[in-house]
Amino acid sequence: MICIECPKGCVLSVEVENGKVVSVSGGQCPRGEIYAVAEIENPKRILTSTVIAEDLSLKMVPVRTDGPIPKVKIFEAMAEIRKIRLTNSVYMGDPIIKDFLGLGVNLVATREAVK
């Protein structure tokens, strides 16, 4: 696995047993081990998408989560995003849904869309 935590791009060797990391080698800093364990045991991603806007300056408003969510929740999150219809003006950084899916992150607008 290639570590993406810093510009060095260390090649990590990861030993896994029963879905748990047993050892990590090849990293030149402590962030590599933390990255490998998280990526194997509980991978998370920032989710970016668009939501439909009605009677606003944009037909689709770009959105993203303001923090990473578990990768296993991506399809559930996309199903919720497809249900959203924005009818009021939003500005960059405005929360569209607070505590999205109860995951402790907000779904926020990444572009302005006004009436």
Protein backbone atom coordinates (compact mmCIF):
# COMPACT_ATOMS: atom_id res chain seq x y z
CA MET A 1 0.00 0.00 0.00
CA ILE A 2 1.22 3.52 -0.77
CA CYS A 3 0.90 5.93 2.15
CA ILE A 4 -0.74 9.24 1.22
CA GLU A 5 -0.31 11.02 4.55
CA CYS A 6 2.74 13.05 3.51
CA PRO A 7 4.64 13.80 0.29
CA LYS A 8 7.12 10.93 0.79
CA GLY A 9 4.65 8.30 -0.51
CA CYS A 10 6.15 5.43 1.46
CA VAL A 11 5.51 1.89 0.25
CA LEU A 12 4.00 0.12 3.25
CA SER A 13 3.88 -3.61 3.84
CA VAL A 14 0.84 -4.48 5.91
CA GLU A 15 0.22 -7.83 7.56
CA VAL A 16 -3.46 -8.50 8.25
CA GLU A 17 -5.10 -11.33 10.19
CA ASN A 18 -8.88 -11.67 10.54
CA GLY A 19 -9.43 -8.13 9.27
CA LYS A 20 -7.06 -6.57 11.81
CA VAL A 21 -3.63 -5.11 11.14
CA VAL A 22 -0.90 -7.11 12.85
CA SER A 23 2.11 -5.16 11.60
CA VAL A 24 3.08 -2.29 9.32
CA SER A 25 6.56 -1.74 7.91
CA GLY A 26 8.18 0.53 5.36
CA GLY A 27 6.96 3.85 6.72
CA GLN A 28 9.42 6.67 7.30
CA CYS A 29 7.18 8.46 9.81
CA PRO A 30 4.57 7.40 12.39
CA ARG A 31 1.70 8.61 10.20
CA GLY A 32 2.15 5.64 7.86
CA GLU A 33 1.16 3.08 10.46
CA ILE A 34 -1.87 5.14 11.52
CA TYR A 35 -2.93 5.49 7.88
CA ALA A 36 -2.55 1.77 7.14
CA VAL A 37 -4.54 0.69 10.20
CA ALA A 38 -7.36 3.14 9.43
CA GLU A 39 -7.47 2.23 5.73
CA ILE A 40 -7.65 -1.52 6.45
CA GLU A 41 -9.83 -1.59 9.55
CA ASN A 42 -12.18 1.40 9.04
CA PRO A 43 -11.69 3.24 5.72
CA LYS A 44 -13.30 6.68 5.51
CA ARG A 45 -13.80 9.16 2.69
CA ILE A 46 -14.97 12.72 2.15
CA LEU A 47 -18.14 12.45 0.04
CA THR A 48 -18.73 14.95 -2.76
CA SER A 49 -21.86 15.12 -4.86
CA THR A 50 -24.58 17.48 -6.10
CA VAL A 51 -28.16 18.14 -5.03
CA ILE A 52 -31.07 19.36 -7.12
CA ALA A 53 -31.97 23.03 -6.78
CA GLU A 54 -35.41 24.39 -7.64
CA ASP A 55 -35.82 28.03 -8.73
CA LEU A 56 -32.24 28.93 -7.80
CA SER A 57 -29.35 30.31 -9.86
CA LEU A 58 -27.99 26.76 -10.31
CA LYS A 59 -29.92 23.63 -11.27
CA MET A 60 -27.50 21.44 -9.29
CA VAL A 61 -25.59 22.60 -6.21
CA PRO A 62 -22.26 20.93 -5.38
CA VAL A 63 -22.05 19.58 -1.82
CA ARG A 64 -19.61 17.62 0.30
CA THR A 65 -19.30 16.26 3.79
CA ASP A 66 -17.19 18.48 6.05
CA GLY A 67 -15.40 15.42 7.37
CA PRO A 68 -14.82 11.82 6.34
CA ILE A 69 -17.56 9.21 6.63
CA PRO A 70 -17.16 5.42 6.78
CA LYS A 71 -16.75 3.98 3.31
CA VAL A 72 -19.49 1.42 4.04
CA LYS A 73 -21.98 4.30 4.43
CA ILE A 74 -21.33 5.84 0.98
CA PHE A 75 -24.32 4.20 -0.78
CA GLU A 76 -26.68 5.06 2.08
CA ALA A 77 -25.40 8.65 2.03
CA MET A 78 -25.90 8.93 -1.74
CA ALA A 79 -29.48 7.64 -1.38
CA GLU A 80 -30.17 10.44 1.13
CA ILE A 81 -28.51 13.05 -1.08
CA ARG A 82 -30.74 12.05 -4.02
CA LYS A 83 -33.81 12.94 -1.90
CA ILE A 84 -32.70 16.55 -1.27
CA ARG A 85 -34.35 19.45 -3.11
CA LEU A 86 -32.99 22.91 -2.33
CA THR A 87 -35.53 25.73 -2.59
CA ASN A 88 -33.83 28.43 -0.50
CA SER A 89 -30.63 30.32 -1.28
CA VAL A 90 -27.42 28.71 -0.02
CA TYR A 91 -23.88 30.01 0.20
CA MET A 92 -20.55 28.24 0.20
CA GLY A 93 -20.08 26.48 3.54
CA ASP A 94 -23.76 26.57 4.51
CA PRO A 95 -24.90 23.30 6.08
CA ILE A 96 -27.50 21.52 3.97
CA ILE A 97 -27.94 18.74 6.56
CA LYS A 98 -26.38 18.91 10.01
CA ASP A 99 -25.11 15.67 11.56
CA PHE A 100 -25.58 13.87 8.25
CA LEU A 101 -26.82 10.30 8.86
CA GLY A 102 -25.91 10.73 12.54
CA LEU A 103 -22.22 10.47 11.60
CA GLY A 104 -21.11 13.71 13.24
CA VAL A 105 -20.40 15.49 9.94
CA ASN A 106 -22.41 18.07 8.04
CA LEU A 107 -23.36 18.04 4.39
CA VAL A 108 -22.37 21.52 3.18
CA ALA A 109 -22.78 23.56 0.01
CA THR A 110 -19.54 24.18 -1.87
CA ARG A 111 -20.96 26.87 -4.15
CA GLU A 112 -23.49 29.68 -3.90
CA ALA A 113 -26.99 29.23 -5.36
CA VAL A 114 -29.44 32.10 -4.89
CA LYS A 115 -33.00 33.01 -5.86
